[in-house]
N, C-alpha and C. Protein backbone atom coordinates (compact mmCIF):
# COMPACT_ATOMS: atom_id res chain seq x y z
N ILE A 1 90.72 116.70 123.31
CA ILE A 1 90.24 115.28 123.42
C ILE A 1 88.83 115.11 122.97
N ILE A 2 87.97 116.05 123.32
CA ILE A 2 86.56 115.91 122.86
C ILE A 2 86.51 116.00 121.34
N ASP A 3 87.25 116.93 120.73
CA ASP A 3 87.21 117.04 119.19
C ASP A 3 87.69 115.79 118.56
N VAL A 4 88.79 115.19 119.08
CA VAL A 4 89.31 113.95 118.48
C VAL A 4 88.40 112.83 118.57
N ASN A 5 87.77 112.69 119.81
CA ASN A 5 86.80 111.56 119.96
C ASN A 5 85.49 111.80 119.24
N SER A 6 85.12 113.04 119.08
CA SER A 6 83.94 113.34 118.27
C SER A 6 84.13 112.96 116.83
N GLU A 7 85.34 113.22 116.30
CA GLU A 7 85.67 112.79 114.95
C GLU A 7 85.67 111.36 114.79
N LEU A 8 86.30 110.64 115.75
CA LEU A 8 86.30 109.15 115.69
C LEU A 8 84.87 108.59 115.75
N LEU A 9 83.99 109.14 116.55
CA LEU A 9 82.64 108.72 116.59
C LEU A 9 81.83 108.92 115.31
N LEU A 10 82.05 110.17 114.81
CA LEU A 10 81.42 110.49 113.51
C LEU A 10 81.87 109.55 112.38
N GLN A 11 83.15 109.25 112.35
CA GLN A 11 83.70 108.31 111.38
C GLN A 11 83.12 106.92 111.57
N LEU A 12 82.88 106.48 112.80
CA LEU A 12 82.36 105.16 113.05
C LEU A 12 80.92 105.14 112.58
N ILE A 13 80.19 106.16 112.89
CA ILE A 13 78.69 106.25 112.40
C ILE A 13 78.62 106.28 110.88
N ASN A 14 79.51 107.06 110.26
CA ASN A 14 79.57 107.09 108.77
C ASN A 14 79.90 105.71 108.10
N ASP A 15 80.87 105.07 108.79
CA ASP A 15 81.31 103.71 108.31
C ASP A 15 80.10 102.73 108.44
N ILE A 16 79.41 102.73 109.57
CA ILE A 16 78.30 101.85 109.71
C ILE A 16 77.16 102.15 108.74
N LEU A 17 76.95 103.43 108.52
CA LEU A 17 75.92 103.77 107.44
C LEU A 17 76.28 103.30 106.09
N ASP A 18 77.57 103.51 105.68
CA ASP A 18 78.11 103.10 104.40
C ASP A 18 78.05 101.55 104.23
N ILE A 19 78.36 100.83 105.34
CA ILE A 19 78.25 99.33 105.23
C ILE A 19 76.79 98.92 104.99
N SER A 20 75.92 99.60 105.81
CA SER A 20 74.50 99.28 105.69
C SER A 20 73.99 99.56 104.23
N LYS A 21 74.44 100.70 103.70
CA LYS A 21 73.97 101.02 102.30
C LYS A 21 74.58 100.06 101.23
N ILE A 22 75.78 99.66 101.52
CA ILE A 22 76.47 98.62 100.56
C ILE A 22 75.68 97.31 100.66
N GLU A 23 75.30 96.84 101.86
CA GLU A 23 74.59 95.62 102.04
C GLU A 23 73.17 95.70 101.43
N ALA A 24 72.54 96.90 101.56
CA ALA A 24 71.24 97.04 100.98
C ALA A 24 71.23 97.30 99.51
N GLY A 25 72.36 97.57 98.98
CA GLY A 25 72.49 97.93 97.57
C GLY A 25 72.01 99.39 97.23
N THR A 26 72.08 100.25 98.18
CA THR A 26 71.61 101.59 97.99
C THR A 26 72.68 102.63 98.11
N LEU A 27 73.95 102.22 98.08
CA LEU A 27 75.00 103.20 98.09
C LEU A 27 74.98 104.03 96.79
N GLU A 28 74.85 105.29 96.95
CA GLU A 28 74.69 106.22 95.76
C GLU A 28 75.95 106.72 95.25
N PHE A 29 76.05 106.90 93.92
CA PHE A 29 77.26 107.53 93.28
C PHE A 29 76.70 108.73 92.49
N ARG A 30 77.53 109.77 92.52
CA ARG A 30 77.21 110.95 91.72
C ARG A 30 78.37 111.24 90.80
N PHE A 31 78.29 110.66 89.60
CA PHE A 31 79.40 110.83 88.64
C PHE A 31 79.33 112.22 87.91
N ARG A 32 80.39 112.94 88.02
CA ARG A 32 80.52 114.23 87.42
C ARG A 32 81.92 114.45 86.99
N PRO A 33 82.20 115.39 86.05
CA PRO A 33 83.58 115.73 85.69
C PRO A 33 84.31 116.24 86.93
N MET A 34 85.57 115.72 86.97
CA MET A 34 86.49 116.19 88.10
C MET A 34 87.88 116.21 87.71
N ASN A 35 88.73 116.88 88.41
CA ASN A 35 90.14 116.97 88.15
C ASN A 35 90.92 116.08 89.23
N LEU A 36 91.63 115.12 88.75
CA LEU A 36 92.25 114.12 89.70
C LEU A 36 93.41 114.89 90.45
N ASN A 37 94.13 115.80 89.77
CA ASN A 37 95.20 116.47 90.41
C ASN A 37 94.67 117.36 91.54
N ASP A 38 93.55 118.05 91.31
CA ASP A 38 92.93 118.88 92.36
C ASP A 38 92.53 118.01 93.59
N LEU A 39 91.98 116.86 93.31
CA LEU A 39 91.61 115.95 94.33
C LEU A 39 92.73 115.54 95.17
N CYS A 40 93.81 115.12 94.57
CA CYS A 40 95.03 114.70 95.20
C CYS A 40 95.72 115.86 95.99
N ARG A 41 95.75 117.00 95.43
CA ARG A 41 96.34 118.16 96.12
C ARG A 41 95.50 118.51 97.38
N SER A 42 94.19 118.34 97.24
CA SER A 42 93.34 118.60 98.43
C SER A 42 93.55 117.56 99.53
N GLU A 43 93.71 116.24 99.05
CA GLU A 43 94.00 115.23 100.12
C GLU A 43 95.38 115.37 100.76
N LEU A 44 96.31 115.93 100.01
CA LEU A 44 97.64 116.29 100.61
C LEU A 44 97.53 117.31 101.63
N GLU A 45 96.74 118.35 101.36
CA GLU A 45 96.50 119.43 102.41
C GLU A 45 95.88 118.92 103.64
N VAL A 46 94.89 118.11 103.48
CA VAL A 46 94.08 117.48 104.60
C VAL A 46 94.90 116.64 105.45
N HIS A 47 95.75 115.81 104.79
CA HIS A 47 96.49 114.75 105.57
C HIS A 47 97.84 115.20 106.00
N LYS A 48 98.43 116.19 105.46
CA LYS A 48 99.80 116.66 105.87
C LYS A 48 99.89 116.93 107.33
N PRO A 49 98.90 117.65 107.95
CA PRO A 49 99.06 117.87 109.40
C PRO A 49 98.81 116.66 110.21
N ARG A 50 98.27 115.61 109.66
CA ARG A 50 98.00 114.35 110.41
C ARG A 50 99.09 113.37 110.52
N VAL A 51 100.08 113.49 109.71
CA VAL A 51 101.21 112.51 109.72
C VAL A 51 102.08 112.72 110.91
N LYS A 52 102.72 111.71 111.37
CA LYS A 52 103.65 111.84 112.51
C LYS A 52 104.88 112.65 112.33
N PRO A 53 105.40 113.28 113.27
CA PRO A 53 106.68 113.90 113.13
C PRO A 53 107.73 112.94 112.50
N GLY A 54 108.54 113.32 111.58
CA GLY A 54 109.55 112.40 110.98
C GLY A 54 109.00 111.70 109.77
N VAL A 55 107.69 111.85 109.34
CA VAL A 55 107.10 111.24 108.25
C VAL A 55 106.76 112.38 107.20
N GLU A 56 107.18 112.18 106.03
CA GLU A 56 106.89 113.12 104.96
C GLU A 56 105.82 112.57 104.06
N LEU A 57 104.78 113.37 103.81
CA LEU A 57 103.70 113.02 102.88
C LEU A 57 103.93 113.70 101.59
N VAL A 58 104.01 112.92 100.51
CA VAL A 58 104.35 113.38 99.15
C VAL A 58 103.29 113.02 98.13
N PHE A 59 102.77 113.94 97.37
CA PHE A 59 101.90 113.70 96.23
C PHE A 59 102.80 113.69 95.03
N GLU A 60 102.99 112.61 94.37
CA GLU A 60 103.73 112.51 93.14
C GLU A 60 102.85 112.87 91.95
N GLU A 61 103.01 114.06 91.50
CA GLU A 61 102.17 114.53 90.35
C GLU A 61 102.88 114.13 89.03
N ARG A 62 102.53 112.95 88.64
CA ARG A 62 103.16 112.36 87.41
C ARG A 62 102.52 112.80 86.10
N VAL A 63 101.23 113.03 86.19
CA VAL A 63 100.42 113.46 84.97
C VAL A 63 99.69 114.72 85.29
N ALA A 64 99.83 115.78 84.54
CA ALA A 64 99.21 117.05 84.86
C ALA A 64 97.80 117.18 84.35
N ASN A 65 96.91 117.79 85.17
CA ASN A 65 95.61 118.24 84.66
C ASN A 65 94.80 117.15 84.05
N VAL A 66 94.53 116.12 84.82
CA VAL A 66 93.69 114.99 84.36
C VAL A 66 92.26 115.15 84.77
N GLU A 67 91.40 115.17 83.74
CA GLU A 67 89.93 115.37 84.00
C GLU A 67 89.30 113.98 83.70
N ILE A 68 88.50 113.46 84.66
CA ILE A 68 87.70 112.28 84.43
C ILE A 68 86.25 112.56 84.87
N VAL A 69 85.35 111.52 84.63
CA VAL A 69 84.06 111.61 85.20
C VAL A 69 84.00 110.48 86.17
N CYS A 70 83.79 110.88 87.46
CA CYS A 70 83.78 109.91 88.58
C CYS A 70 82.99 110.55 89.75
N ASP A 71 82.78 109.73 90.78
CA ASP A 71 82.19 110.28 92.00
C ASP A 71 83.34 110.72 92.88
N GLN A 72 83.54 112.12 92.86
CA GLN A 72 84.67 112.72 93.54
C GLN A 72 84.67 112.35 95.06
N ASN A 73 83.48 112.43 95.66
CA ASN A 73 83.41 112.23 97.12
C ASN A 73 83.78 110.72 97.51
N ARG A 74 83.26 109.72 96.73
CA ARG A 74 83.63 108.43 96.99
C ARG A 74 85.05 108.06 96.68
N LEU A 75 85.56 108.61 95.63
CA LEU A 75 87.00 108.44 95.30
C LEU A 75 87.86 109.07 96.41
N ALA A 76 87.50 110.22 96.84
CA ALA A 76 88.27 110.95 97.99
C ALA A 76 88.14 110.07 99.21
N GLN A 77 87.02 109.40 99.49
CA GLN A 77 86.89 108.65 100.64
C GLN A 77 87.77 107.49 100.67
N VAL A 78 88.01 106.82 99.54
CA VAL A 78 88.95 105.74 99.37
C VAL A 78 90.46 106.18 99.58
N ILE A 79 90.73 107.22 98.91
CA ILE A 79 92.14 107.76 99.03
C ILE A 79 92.43 108.19 100.41
N SER A 80 91.41 108.87 100.97
CA SER A 80 91.63 109.39 102.37
C SER A 80 91.78 108.18 103.35
N ASN A 81 91.02 107.16 103.17
CA ASN A 81 91.16 106.04 103.99
C ASN A 81 92.53 105.34 103.89
N LEU A 82 93.01 105.23 102.65
CA LEU A 82 94.36 104.65 102.45
C LEU A 82 95.42 105.55 103.10
N LEU A 83 95.29 106.88 102.96
CA LEU A 83 96.31 107.73 103.57
C LEU A 83 96.21 107.74 105.04
N ASN A 84 94.99 107.63 105.65
CA ASN A 84 94.82 107.53 107.08
C ASN A 84 95.55 106.25 107.61
N ASN A 85 95.36 105.19 106.96
CA ASN A 85 95.94 103.84 107.35
C ASN A 85 97.44 103.98 107.26
N ALA A 86 98.00 104.47 106.16
CA ALA A 86 99.40 104.64 106.02
C ALA A 86 99.92 105.56 107.15
N GLY A 87 99.26 106.60 107.50
CA GLY A 87 99.68 107.44 108.59
C GLY A 87 99.70 106.70 109.96
N LYS A 88 98.77 105.86 110.18
CA LYS A 88 98.70 105.13 111.44
C LYS A 88 99.90 104.26 111.59
N PHE A 89 100.38 103.59 110.54
CA PHE A 89 101.36 102.59 110.67
C PHE A 89 102.72 102.96 110.18
N THR A 90 102.97 104.23 109.96
CA THR A 90 104.25 104.76 109.47
C THR A 90 104.82 105.71 110.53
N GLU A 91 105.87 105.24 111.19
CA GLU A 91 106.45 106.04 112.30
C GLU A 91 107.62 106.99 111.75
N GLU A 92 108.21 106.57 110.65
CA GLU A 92 109.25 107.42 110.12
C GLU A 92 109.37 107.10 108.57
N GLY A 93 109.95 108.00 107.85
CA GLY A 93 110.08 107.78 106.41
C GLY A 93 109.14 108.59 105.66
N GLU A 94 108.39 107.97 104.76
CA GLU A 94 107.46 108.79 103.96
C GLU A 94 106.27 107.92 103.51
N ILE A 95 105.24 108.70 103.12
CA ILE A 95 104.04 108.20 102.49
C ILE A 95 103.99 108.88 101.17
N ARG A 96 103.93 108.17 100.05
CA ARG A 96 103.79 108.72 98.70
C ARG A 96 102.55 108.29 98.09
N PHE A 97 101.95 109.12 97.39
CA PHE A 97 100.68 108.82 96.70
C PHE A 97 100.52 109.52 95.38
N GLY A 98 99.74 108.98 94.54
CA GLY A 98 99.54 109.66 93.27
C GLY A 98 98.75 108.70 92.30
N PHE A 99 98.91 108.94 91.03
CA PHE A 99 98.29 108.11 90.06
C PHE A 99 98.99 108.16 88.70
N ASP A 100 98.70 107.12 87.98
CA ASP A 100 99.13 106.99 86.56
C ASP A 100 97.95 106.65 85.67
N LEU A 101 98.13 106.91 84.37
CA LEU A 101 97.04 106.46 83.43
C LEU A 101 97.60 105.28 82.62
N LYS A 102 96.87 104.18 82.68
CA LYS A 102 97.30 102.89 82.02
C LYS A 102 96.18 102.22 81.38
N ASP A 103 96.25 101.93 80.17
CA ASP A 103 95.33 101.12 79.44
C ASP A 103 93.81 101.45 79.74
N GLY A 104 93.47 102.74 79.57
CA GLY A 104 92.11 103.17 79.76
C GLY A 104 91.73 103.18 81.19
N CYS A 105 92.63 103.13 82.17
CA CYS A 105 92.36 103.19 83.60
C CYS A 105 93.20 104.21 84.34
N VAL A 106 92.64 104.62 85.44
CA VAL A 106 93.50 105.42 86.35
C VAL A 106 93.92 104.41 87.51
N GLU A 107 95.25 104.46 87.65
CA GLU A 107 95.85 103.54 88.71
C GLU A 107 96.44 104.44 89.86
N PHE A 108 95.74 104.44 90.88
CA PHE A 108 96.14 105.20 92.19
C PHE A 108 97.03 104.30 92.96
N PHE A 109 98.00 104.95 93.64
CA PHE A 109 98.83 104.22 94.63
C PHE A 109 98.99 104.98 95.86
N VAL A 110 99.15 104.30 96.88
CA VAL A 110 99.51 104.86 98.29
C VAL A 110 100.61 103.93 98.79
N GLN A 111 101.81 104.48 98.99
CA GLN A 111 103.03 103.70 99.36
C GLN A 111 103.58 104.28 100.59
N ASP A 112 103.87 103.40 101.57
CA ASP A 112 104.43 103.93 102.79
C ASP A 112 105.66 103.07 103.17
N THR A 113 106.45 103.59 104.08
CA THR A 113 107.66 102.94 104.61
C THR A 113 107.40 102.50 106.04
N GLY A 114 106.14 102.14 106.30
CA GLY A 114 105.76 101.74 107.63
C GLY A 114 106.06 100.22 107.98
N MET A 115 105.32 99.81 108.95
CA MET A 115 105.63 98.42 109.54
C MET A 115 105.31 97.28 108.68
N GLY A 116 104.54 97.55 107.53
CA GLY A 116 104.07 96.48 106.65
C GLY A 116 103.02 95.59 107.27
N ILE A 117 102.51 94.72 106.46
CA ILE A 117 101.37 93.80 106.91
C ILE A 117 101.96 92.36 106.81
N PRO A 118 101.87 91.55 107.91
CA PRO A 118 102.24 90.21 107.89
C PRO A 118 101.39 89.41 106.85
N PRO A 119 102.04 88.52 106.21
CA PRO A 119 101.31 87.76 105.14
C PRO A 119 100.01 87.11 105.64
N GLU A 120 99.95 86.62 106.86
CA GLU A 120 98.75 85.96 107.34
C GLU A 120 97.56 86.97 107.49
N LYS A 121 97.96 88.24 107.74
CA LYS A 121 96.83 89.29 107.83
C LYS A 121 96.59 89.93 106.43
N ALA A 122 97.45 89.88 105.58
CA ALA A 122 97.30 90.56 104.24
C ALA A 122 96.16 89.83 103.49
N ARG A 123 96.00 88.58 103.70
CA ARG A 123 94.99 87.77 102.99
C ARG A 123 93.59 88.30 103.33
N ASN A 124 93.44 88.78 104.52
CA ASN A 124 92.12 89.23 105.04
C ASN A 124 91.87 90.72 105.26
N ILE A 125 92.87 91.48 104.83
CA ILE A 125 92.88 92.85 105.14
C ILE A 125 91.66 93.72 104.66
N PHE A 126 91.00 93.14 103.55
CA PHE A 126 89.77 93.89 103.02
C PHE A 126 88.55 93.27 103.64
N ASP A 127 88.57 92.39 104.61
CA ASP A 127 87.41 91.92 105.32
C ASP A 127 86.98 92.85 106.39
N ARG A 128 85.69 92.84 106.74
CA ARG A 128 85.19 93.70 107.81
C ARG A 128 85.73 93.38 109.21
N PHE A 129 86.06 94.39 109.92
CA PHE A 129 86.48 94.32 111.34
C PHE A 129 87.85 93.75 111.45
N VAL A 130 88.66 93.66 110.36
CA VAL A 130 90.08 93.14 110.46
C VAL A 130 90.91 94.32 110.69
N LYS A 131 91.70 94.15 111.85
CA LYS A 131 92.72 95.25 112.20
C LYS A 131 93.99 94.61 112.31
N LEU A 132 95.09 95.35 111.98
CA LEU A 132 96.45 94.82 112.13
C LEU A 132 96.81 94.63 113.64
N ASN A 133 96.40 95.61 114.37
CA ASN A 133 96.66 95.46 115.88
C ASN A 133 95.60 96.21 116.63
N ASP A 134 95.53 95.95 117.87
CA ASP A 134 94.47 96.59 118.77
C ASP A 134 94.96 97.90 119.34
N PHE A 135 96.21 98.34 119.04
CA PHE A 135 96.84 99.48 119.60
C PHE A 135 96.57 100.83 118.74
N VAL A 136 95.97 100.52 117.60
CA VAL A 136 95.69 101.65 116.65
C VAL A 136 94.25 101.96 116.56
N SER A 137 93.79 103.13 116.55
CA SER A 137 92.42 103.44 116.48
C SER A 137 91.75 103.02 115.15
N GLY A 138 90.49 102.83 115.16
CA GLY A 138 89.80 102.36 114.03
C GLY A 138 88.88 101.19 114.31
N THR A 139 88.03 100.93 113.33
CA THR A 139 87.11 99.76 113.51
C THR A 139 87.43 98.59 112.63
N GLY A 140 88.23 98.73 111.67
CA GLY A 140 88.55 97.64 110.75
C GLY A 140 87.50 97.64 109.60
N LEU A 141 86.83 98.80 109.43
CA LEU A 141 85.78 98.76 108.34
C LEU A 141 86.24 99.50 107.09
N GLY A 142 87.26 100.42 107.30
CA GLY A 142 87.58 101.31 106.18
C GLY A 142 88.05 100.65 104.89
N LEU A 143 88.84 99.59 105.00
CA LEU A 143 89.32 98.85 103.79
C LEU A 143 88.18 98.05 103.14
N ALA A 144 87.31 97.54 103.94
CA ALA A 144 86.17 96.78 103.45
C ALA A 144 85.26 97.74 102.64
N ILE A 145 85.03 98.90 103.24
CA ILE A 145 84.19 99.90 102.51
C ILE A 145 84.90 100.37 101.26
N SER A 146 86.16 100.64 101.32
CA SER A 146 86.90 101.08 100.13
C SER A 146 86.86 100.02 99.04
N ARG A 147 87.06 98.74 99.32
CA ARG A 147 86.96 97.76 98.32
C ARG A 147 85.55 97.72 97.70
N SER A 148 84.49 97.79 98.56
CA SER A 148 83.19 97.78 97.98
C SER A 148 82.96 98.93 97.07
N ILE A 149 83.38 100.18 97.45
CA ILE A 149 83.24 101.38 96.57
C ILE A 149 83.90 101.14 95.25
N ILE A 150 85.12 100.72 95.36
CA ILE A 150 85.85 100.58 94.04
C ILE A 150 85.35 99.52 93.22
N GLU A 151 84.87 98.42 93.72
CA GLU A 151 84.24 97.32 92.98
C GLU A 151 82.95 97.75 92.40
N LEU A 152 82.17 98.49 93.10
CA LEU A 152 80.91 99.04 92.57
C LEU A 152 81.18 100.05 91.44
N MET A 153 82.33 100.70 91.41
CA MET A 153 82.71 101.57 90.33
C MET A 153 83.41 100.79 89.28
N GLY A 154 83.41 99.47 89.27
CA GLY A 154 84.05 98.63 88.24
C GLY A 154 85.53 98.56 88.32
N GLY A 155 86.11 98.81 89.52
CA GLY A 155 87.55 98.80 89.64
C GLY A 155 88.08 97.75 90.55
N THR A 156 89.31 97.83 90.90
CA THR A 156 89.95 96.73 91.82
C THR A 156 90.83 97.55 92.78
N ILE A 157 91.11 96.88 93.91
CA ILE A 157 92.02 97.36 94.85
C ILE A 157 92.92 96.20 95.39
N GLU A 158 94.21 96.37 95.44
CA GLU A 158 95.15 95.37 95.78
C GLU A 158 96.13 95.92 96.82
N VAL A 159 96.77 95.03 97.52
CA VAL A 159 97.76 95.39 98.49
C VAL A 159 99.01 94.54 98.22
N GLN A 160 100.17 95.18 98.33
CA GLN A 160 101.45 94.54 98.33
C GLN A 160 102.27 95.02 99.53
N SER A 161 102.78 94.11 100.28
CA SER A 161 103.45 94.53 101.57
C SER A 161 104.56 93.55 101.95
N GLN A 162 105.55 94.12 102.52
CA GLN A 162 106.69 93.35 103.16
C GLN A 162 106.74 93.73 104.61
N LYS A 163 106.72 92.91 105.55
CA LYS A 163 106.78 93.17 106.95
C LYS A 163 108.03 93.99 107.24
N ASN A 164 107.95 95.09 107.95
CA ASN A 164 108.98 95.99 108.34
C ASN A 164 109.51 96.78 107.14
N GLU A 165 108.94 96.68 106.01
CA GLU A 165 109.48 97.39 104.84
C GLU A 165 108.45 98.37 104.17
N GLY A 166 107.14 98.20 104.55
CA GLY A 166 106.17 99.16 104.03
C GLY A 166 105.12 98.40 103.30
N THR A 167 104.20 99.19 102.77
CA THR A 167 102.94 98.73 102.15
C THR A 167 102.62 99.60 100.95
N THR A 168 102.11 98.96 99.89
CA THR A 168 101.60 99.74 98.76
C THR A 168 100.16 99.28 98.45
N PHE A 169 99.23 100.15 98.37
CA PHE A 169 97.90 99.91 97.87
C PHE A 169 97.83 100.44 96.51
N VAL A 170 97.17 99.64 95.59
CA VAL A 170 96.98 100.02 94.23
C VAL A 170 95.42 99.97 93.89
N VAL A 171 94.89 101.05 93.53
CA VAL A 171 93.45 101.16 93.22
C VAL A 171 93.34 101.43 91.72
N THR A 172 92.63 100.55 91.02
CA THR A 172 92.46 100.76 89.51
C THR A 172 91.06 101.11 89.27
N VAL A 173 90.73 102.16 88.51
CA VAL A 173 89.38 102.58 88.16
C VAL A 173 89.40 102.80 86.63
N ARG A 174 88.41 102.23 85.98
CA ARG A 174 88.21 102.45 84.51
C ARG A 174 87.82 103.87 84.31
N LEU A 175 88.37 104.41 83.17
CA LEU A 175 88.03 105.79 82.80
C LEU A 175 86.70 105.73 82.03
């Protein structure tokens, strides 16, 4: 219990620091060569033990050995946040994630078979402190931070969802 609550508190502090840096315009990026497949495999290993029983986490490796120049930690932060959210709202079925290369961009996806997002909440899902429900842990900052990170990197993040049928997040980053 102490370990879990310590992790939640640390995540809250990190989220508040990131929001403060974004507002102040001081969020730093360290662009270096990185391998997207290695990043996704690493995220798979980190998140596999966190999904609920009856949920399968799958990395769809559609393109092999893709090297790009990007801030690996910030990109991992966004993917991790999307996988965490999918895990919170998926009771059974699967969570699939991966990327494609399209028109000079990398297009990441995280798709789940969870509860979906009601249309009235989907409009505001990237706003600060917006939560789907009060029964799931979190502050409602993760998607706002993710959107800011991706936009500062010159990309976009979108959501497509059907209530009771699942959700797909698509993150596009220019190469």
